[in-house]
N, C-alpha and C. Protein backbone atom coordinates (compact mmCIF):
# COMPACT_ATOMS: atom_id res chain seq x y z
N MET A 1 55.42 -26.89 -54.00
CA MET A 1 54.19 -26.99 -53.22
C MET A 1 54.47 -26.57 -51.78
N SER A 2 53.51 -25.93 -51.18
CA SER A 2 53.61 -25.49 -49.79
C SER A 2 52.53 -26.18 -48.96
N GLU A 3 52.78 -26.24 -47.67
CA GLU A 3 51.76 -26.79 -46.77
C GLU A 3 51.06 -25.64 -46.04
N TYR A 4 49.77 -25.86 -45.78
CA TYR A 4 48.94 -24.88 -45.09
C TYR A 4 48.17 -25.58 -43.99
N LEU A 5 48.02 -24.90 -42.87
CA LEU A 5 47.18 -25.37 -41.79
C LEU A 5 45.84 -24.66 -41.93
N VAL A 6 44.78 -25.43 -42.02
CA VAL A 6 43.44 -24.87 -42.11
C VAL A 6 42.75 -25.14 -40.78
N LEU A 7 42.53 -24.08 -40.01
CA LEU A 7 41.92 -24.17 -38.69
C LEU A 7 40.42 -23.96 -38.81
N ILE A 8 39.65 -24.83 -38.19
CA ILE A 8 38.20 -24.76 -38.27
C ILE A 8 37.68 -24.23 -36.93
N TYR A 9 37.11 -23.02 -36.98
CA TYR A 9 36.55 -22.39 -35.78
C TYR A 9 35.04 -22.40 -35.88
N GLU A 10 34.39 -22.92 -34.86
CA GLU A 10 32.93 -22.95 -34.85
C GLU A 10 32.41 -22.73 -33.44
N SER A 11 31.14 -22.41 -33.36
CA SER A 11 30.47 -22.21 -32.08
C SER A 11 30.22 -23.56 -31.42
N GLU A 12 30.83 -23.76 -30.26
CA GLU A 12 30.59 -25.01 -29.53
C GLU A 12 29.14 -25.08 -29.05
N ALA A 13 28.55 -23.94 -28.71
CA ALA A 13 27.16 -23.93 -28.27
C ALA A 13 26.24 -24.40 -29.39
N ALA A 14 26.51 -23.98 -30.62
CA ALA A 14 25.70 -24.43 -31.75
C ALA A 14 25.86 -25.93 -31.97
N TRP A 15 27.08 -26.44 -31.82
CA TRP A 15 27.31 -27.88 -31.95
C TRP A 15 26.53 -28.65 -30.89
N GLU A 16 26.52 -28.13 -29.67
CA GLU A 16 25.81 -28.80 -28.58
C GLU A 16 24.32 -28.85 -28.85
N LYS A 17 23.78 -27.83 -29.49
CA LYS A 17 22.35 -27.75 -29.77
C LYS A 17 21.95 -28.52 -31.03
N ALA A 18 22.93 -28.87 -31.86
CA ALA A 18 22.64 -29.54 -33.13
C ALA A 18 22.04 -30.92 -32.88
N ASP A 19 21.03 -31.24 -33.65
CA ASP A 19 20.43 -32.57 -33.51
C ASP A 19 21.31 -33.59 -34.23
N GLY A 20 21.01 -34.85 -34.04
CA GLY A 20 21.80 -35.92 -34.63
C GLY A 20 21.86 -35.86 -36.13
N GLU A 21 20.77 -35.47 -36.76
CA GLU A 21 20.74 -35.38 -38.22
C GLU A 21 21.69 -34.30 -38.73
N THR A 22 21.70 -33.14 -38.07
CA THR A 22 22.60 -32.05 -38.47
C THR A 22 24.06 -32.47 -38.30
N ALA A 23 24.38 -33.05 -37.15
CA ALA A 23 25.75 -33.49 -36.89
C ALA A 23 26.16 -34.57 -37.90
N GLY A 24 25.27 -35.49 -38.20
CA GLY A 24 25.56 -36.54 -39.17
C GLY A 24 25.81 -35.97 -40.56
N THR A 25 25.01 -34.99 -40.94
CA THR A 25 25.18 -34.34 -42.25
C THR A 25 26.54 -33.67 -42.33
N MET A 26 26.92 -32.97 -41.27
CA MET A 26 28.21 -32.27 -41.29
C MET A 26 29.37 -33.27 -41.34
N MET A 27 29.27 -34.35 -40.62
CA MET A 27 30.34 -35.35 -40.67
C MET A 27 30.43 -35.97 -42.06
N LYS A 28 29.29 -36.20 -42.69
CA LYS A 28 29.27 -36.72 -44.05
C LYS A 28 29.93 -35.73 -45.00
N GLU A 29 29.67 -34.44 -44.80
CA GLU A 29 30.28 -33.41 -45.64
C GLU A 29 31.80 -33.39 -45.48
N HIS A 30 32.29 -33.62 -44.26
CA HIS A 30 33.74 -33.69 -44.05
C HIS A 30 34.32 -34.91 -44.76
N GLN A 31 33.61 -36.02 -44.71
CA GLN A 31 34.06 -37.22 -45.41
C GLN A 31 34.14 -36.95 -46.91
N GLU A 32 33.12 -36.31 -47.45
CA GLU A 32 33.10 -35.99 -48.88
C GLU A 32 34.21 -35.00 -49.23
N PHE A 33 34.48 -34.04 -48.36
CA PHE A 33 35.59 -33.11 -48.56
C PHE A 33 36.90 -33.90 -48.67
N GLY A 34 37.09 -34.85 -47.76
CA GLY A 34 38.30 -35.67 -47.78
C GLY A 34 38.43 -36.49 -49.05
N GLU A 35 37.32 -37.03 -49.52
CA GLU A 35 37.35 -37.82 -50.76
C GLU A 35 37.68 -36.95 -51.97
N ARG A 36 37.13 -35.73 -52.01
CA ARG A 36 37.39 -34.82 -53.14
C ARG A 36 38.81 -34.28 -53.13
N ASN A 37 39.40 -34.13 -51.95
CA ASN A 37 40.68 -33.44 -51.82
C ASN A 37 41.78 -34.32 -51.24
N GLY A 38 41.62 -35.62 -51.36
CA GLY A 38 42.57 -36.56 -50.78
C GLY A 38 44.01 -36.33 -51.20
N ALA A 39 44.23 -35.93 -52.44
CA ALA A 39 45.60 -35.72 -52.93
C ALA A 39 46.28 -34.55 -52.22
N ALA A 40 45.50 -33.59 -51.74
CA ALA A 40 46.06 -32.41 -51.09
C ALA A 40 46.15 -32.56 -49.57
N LEU A 41 45.41 -33.49 -49.00
CA LEU A 41 45.35 -33.63 -47.54
C LEU A 41 46.60 -34.32 -47.01
N ARG A 42 47.17 -33.75 -45.97
CA ARG A 42 48.33 -34.33 -45.30
C ARG A 42 47.99 -34.80 -43.89
N GLY A 43 46.80 -34.41 -43.41
CA GLY A 43 46.36 -34.83 -42.09
C GLY A 43 45.22 -33.94 -41.63
N GLY A 44 44.69 -34.28 -40.48
CA GLY A 44 43.62 -33.49 -39.91
C GLY A 44 42.92 -34.27 -38.81
N ASN A 45 42.27 -33.54 -37.94
CA ASN A 45 41.55 -34.16 -36.83
C ASN A 45 40.47 -33.23 -36.31
N ALA A 46 39.46 -33.82 -35.71
CA ALA A 46 38.48 -33.07 -34.93
C ALA A 46 39.00 -33.03 -33.50
N LEU A 47 38.68 -31.97 -32.79
CA LEU A 47 39.15 -31.81 -31.42
C LEU A 47 37.98 -31.92 -30.44
N HIS A 48 38.28 -32.38 -29.24
CA HIS A 48 37.28 -32.38 -28.16
C HIS A 48 36.97 -30.92 -27.81
N PRO A 49 35.85 -30.66 -27.15
CA PRO A 49 35.48 -29.29 -26.78
C PRO A 49 36.53 -28.61 -25.90
N THR A 50 36.47 -27.29 -25.84
CA THR A 50 37.44 -26.52 -25.05
C THR A 50 37.39 -26.85 -23.57
N THR A 51 36.28 -27.41 -23.10
CA THR A 51 36.20 -27.80 -21.69
C THR A 51 37.20 -28.91 -21.35
N SER A 52 37.70 -29.60 -22.36
CA SER A 52 38.68 -30.67 -22.13
C SER A 52 40.12 -30.16 -22.25
N ALA A 53 40.29 -28.89 -22.60
CA ALA A 53 41.63 -28.34 -22.83
C ALA A 53 42.37 -28.07 -21.53
N THR A 54 43.68 -28.08 -21.60
CA THR A 54 44.56 -27.68 -20.52
C THR A 54 45.55 -26.67 -21.10
N SER A 55 45.67 -25.52 -20.45
CA SER A 55 46.56 -24.46 -20.94
C SER A 55 47.79 -24.36 -20.05
N LEU A 56 48.92 -24.11 -20.68
CA LEU A 56 50.19 -23.95 -19.98
C LEU A 56 50.75 -22.56 -20.29
N ARG A 57 51.12 -21.84 -19.25
CA ARG A 57 51.73 -20.51 -19.39
C ARG A 57 52.85 -20.41 -18.35
N ARG A 58 53.70 -19.46 -18.57
CA ARG A 58 54.73 -19.15 -17.58
C ARG A 58 54.39 -17.78 -16.98
N ASP A 59 54.48 -17.69 -15.66
CA ASP A 59 54.22 -16.40 -15.02
C ASP A 59 55.47 -15.52 -15.13
N ALA A 60 55.42 -14.35 -14.53
CA ALA A 60 56.53 -13.38 -14.63
C ALA A 60 57.84 -13.94 -14.11
N SER A 61 57.78 -14.87 -13.16
CA SER A 61 59.01 -15.45 -12.61
C SER A 61 59.51 -16.64 -13.42
N GLY A 62 58.75 -17.04 -14.42
CA GLY A 62 59.13 -18.18 -15.23
C GLY A 62 58.54 -19.50 -14.76
N LYS A 63 57.75 -19.46 -13.68
CA LYS A 63 57.13 -20.68 -13.15
C LYS A 63 55.99 -21.10 -14.08
N LEU A 64 55.92 -22.40 -14.33
CA LEU A 64 54.87 -22.97 -15.17
C LEU A 64 53.55 -22.96 -14.42
N VAL A 65 52.51 -22.43 -15.07
CA VAL A 65 51.17 -22.41 -14.49
C VAL A 65 50.27 -23.23 -15.41
N VAL A 66 49.63 -24.25 -14.87
CA VAL A 66 48.76 -25.14 -15.63
C VAL A 66 47.33 -24.85 -15.19
N THR A 67 46.45 -24.56 -16.17
CA THR A 67 45.05 -24.28 -15.85
C THR A 67 44.13 -25.10 -16.74
N ASP A 68 42.94 -25.37 -16.22
CA ASP A 68 41.92 -26.05 -17.01
C ASP A 68 41.33 -25.06 -18.00
N GLY A 69 40.99 -25.55 -19.17
CA GLY A 69 40.30 -24.73 -20.15
C GLY A 69 41.19 -24.26 -21.27
N ALA A 70 40.55 -23.67 -22.24
CA ALA A 70 41.25 -23.20 -23.43
C ALA A 70 42.12 -21.99 -23.12
N PHE A 71 43.05 -21.71 -24.00
CA PHE A 71 43.98 -20.60 -23.86
C PHE A 71 43.24 -19.27 -23.83
N ALA A 72 42.20 -19.15 -24.65
CA ALA A 72 41.40 -17.92 -24.71
C ALA A 72 39.93 -18.31 -24.78
N GLU A 73 39.09 -17.51 -24.16
CA GLU A 73 37.65 -17.73 -24.25
C GLU A 73 37.12 -16.88 -25.40
N THR A 74 36.46 -17.54 -26.36
CA THR A 74 35.93 -16.86 -27.53
C THR A 74 34.56 -17.42 -27.88
N LYS A 75 33.84 -16.71 -28.74
CA LYS A 75 32.55 -17.20 -29.19
C LYS A 75 32.72 -18.45 -30.05
N GLU A 76 33.75 -18.44 -30.88
CA GLU A 76 34.03 -19.59 -31.73
C GLU A 76 35.35 -20.20 -31.28
N ALA A 77 35.38 -21.52 -31.18
CA ALA A 77 36.56 -22.22 -30.68
C ALA A 77 37.15 -23.10 -31.76
N LEU A 78 38.43 -23.37 -31.65
CA LEU A 78 39.10 -24.28 -32.57
C LEU A 78 38.52 -25.66 -32.37
N GLY A 79 37.88 -26.18 -33.41
CA GLY A 79 37.22 -27.47 -33.30
C GLY A 79 37.88 -28.57 -34.09
N GLY A 80 38.80 -28.19 -34.97
CA GLY A 80 39.48 -29.18 -35.78
C GLY A 80 40.39 -28.49 -36.78
N TYR A 81 41.09 -29.29 -37.55
CA TYR A 81 42.04 -28.74 -38.51
C TYR A 81 42.33 -29.75 -39.61
N TYR A 82 42.83 -29.22 -40.71
CA TYR A 82 43.40 -30.02 -41.79
C TYR A 82 44.76 -29.45 -42.11
N VAL A 83 45.68 -30.29 -42.49
CA VAL A 83 46.94 -29.87 -43.08
C VAL A 83 46.83 -30.22 -44.55
N ILE A 84 46.99 -29.21 -45.41
CA ILE A 84 46.86 -29.43 -46.85
C ILE A 84 48.12 -28.99 -47.56
N GLU A 85 48.30 -29.51 -48.77
CA GLU A 85 49.39 -29.09 -49.63
C GLU A 85 48.78 -28.43 -50.85
N ALA A 86 49.29 -27.26 -51.20
CA ALA A 86 48.75 -26.52 -52.34
C ALA A 86 49.87 -25.70 -52.99
N GLY A 87 49.68 -25.38 -54.25
CA GLY A 87 50.68 -24.65 -55.01
C GLY A 87 50.90 -23.23 -54.52
N ASP A 88 49.85 -22.59 -54.03
CA ASP A 88 49.96 -21.23 -53.52
C ASP A 88 48.75 -20.95 -52.64
N LEU A 89 48.70 -19.73 -52.09
CA LEU A 89 47.61 -19.39 -51.18
C LEU A 89 46.26 -19.45 -51.87
N ASP A 90 46.18 -19.02 -53.11
CA ASP A 90 44.90 -19.08 -53.83
C ASP A 90 44.40 -20.51 -53.95
N ALA A 91 45.30 -21.43 -54.24
CA ALA A 91 44.91 -22.85 -54.33
C ALA A 91 44.50 -23.38 -52.96
N ALA A 92 45.20 -22.95 -51.91
CA ALA A 92 44.84 -23.38 -50.55
C ALA A 92 43.46 -22.85 -50.16
N ILE A 93 43.17 -21.61 -50.54
CA ILE A 93 41.86 -21.02 -50.26
C ILE A 93 40.77 -21.78 -51.02
N ALA A 94 41.06 -22.16 -52.25
CA ALA A 94 40.08 -22.92 -53.04
C ALA A 94 39.72 -24.24 -52.36
N ILE A 95 40.72 -24.89 -51.79
CA ILE A 95 40.48 -26.15 -51.06
C ILE A 95 39.73 -25.86 -49.76
N ALA A 96 40.23 -24.89 -48.99
CA ALA A 96 39.64 -24.58 -47.68
C ALA A 96 38.19 -24.11 -47.79
N SER A 97 37.85 -23.47 -48.90
CA SER A 97 36.48 -22.97 -49.07
C SER A 97 35.46 -24.10 -49.15
N GLN A 98 35.92 -25.32 -49.35
CA GLN A 98 35.03 -26.48 -49.44
C GLN A 98 34.76 -27.13 -48.08
N ILE A 99 35.47 -26.70 -47.04
CA ILE A 99 35.34 -27.32 -45.73
C ILE A 99 34.01 -26.90 -45.10
N PRO A 100 33.21 -27.86 -44.68
CA PRO A 100 31.95 -27.50 -44.03
C PRO A 100 32.21 -26.91 -42.64
N ALA A 101 31.78 -25.69 -42.44
CA ALA A 101 31.89 -25.01 -41.14
C ALA A 101 30.60 -24.24 -40.92
N HIS A 102 29.51 -24.97 -40.75
CA HIS A 102 28.18 -24.37 -40.66
C HIS A 102 28.02 -23.43 -39.49
N PHE A 103 28.79 -23.62 -38.44
CA PHE A 103 28.65 -22.82 -37.24
C PHE A 103 29.82 -21.85 -37.04
N GLY A 104 30.55 -21.53 -38.11
CA GLY A 104 31.69 -20.63 -37.97
C GLY A 104 32.41 -20.46 -39.29
N GLY A 105 33.71 -20.57 -39.27
CA GLY A 105 34.51 -20.39 -40.47
C GLY A 105 35.87 -21.05 -40.33
N VAL A 106 36.71 -20.85 -41.34
CA VAL A 106 38.04 -21.45 -41.34
C VAL A 106 39.10 -20.37 -41.51
N GLU A 107 40.29 -20.68 -41.05
CA GLU A 107 41.46 -19.80 -41.19
C GLU A 107 42.54 -20.61 -41.91
N VAL A 108 43.17 -20.00 -42.90
CA VAL A 108 44.24 -20.66 -43.66
C VAL A 108 45.55 -19.97 -43.30
N ARG A 109 46.53 -20.79 -42.87
CA ARG A 109 47.84 -20.23 -42.52
C ARG A 109 48.94 -21.07 -43.13
N PRO A 110 49.90 -20.43 -43.79
CA PRO A 110 51.03 -21.19 -44.33
C PRO A 110 51.86 -21.78 -43.19
N ILE A 111 52.36 -22.97 -43.42
CA ILE A 111 53.24 -23.62 -42.46
C ILE A 111 54.66 -23.19 -42.77
N ARG A 112 55.33 -22.69 -41.78
CA ARG A 112 56.69 -22.17 -41.95
C ARG A 112 57.69 -23.32 -41.96
N ASP A 113 58.58 -23.30 -42.93
CA ASP A 113 59.66 -24.29 -43.00
C ASP A 113 60.82 -23.74 -42.17
N VAL A 114 61.08 -24.36 -41.03
CA VAL A 114 62.13 -23.88 -40.15
C VAL A 114 63.40 -24.73 -40.26
N GLY A 115 63.42 -25.62 -41.23
CA GLY A 115 64.54 -26.53 -41.39
C GLY A 115 65.71 -25.97 -42.10
């Protein structure tokens, strides 16, 4: 079995405009996803908006530069993730395809074993 990181990218503007009923429905769908796929889930979390992010980079001289905001400005931002275990990429895609991402989509990436 391999582990995969499933990144959930969605429009933060759409989330901000969503009414309470829409947000509640989506959270319920995530709960149901977790119940259906509990055996494969290894972890996951929702993230605060990109306005709460802090980015760290090194400049040409190697000095650390700390800035407010996300690493990159995009239409869709990383809003959460799951770590799943699956037999292969096709199985990981089958699980990830069930994740509710009404305002965007998901990305599936294998986790590299560096041990």
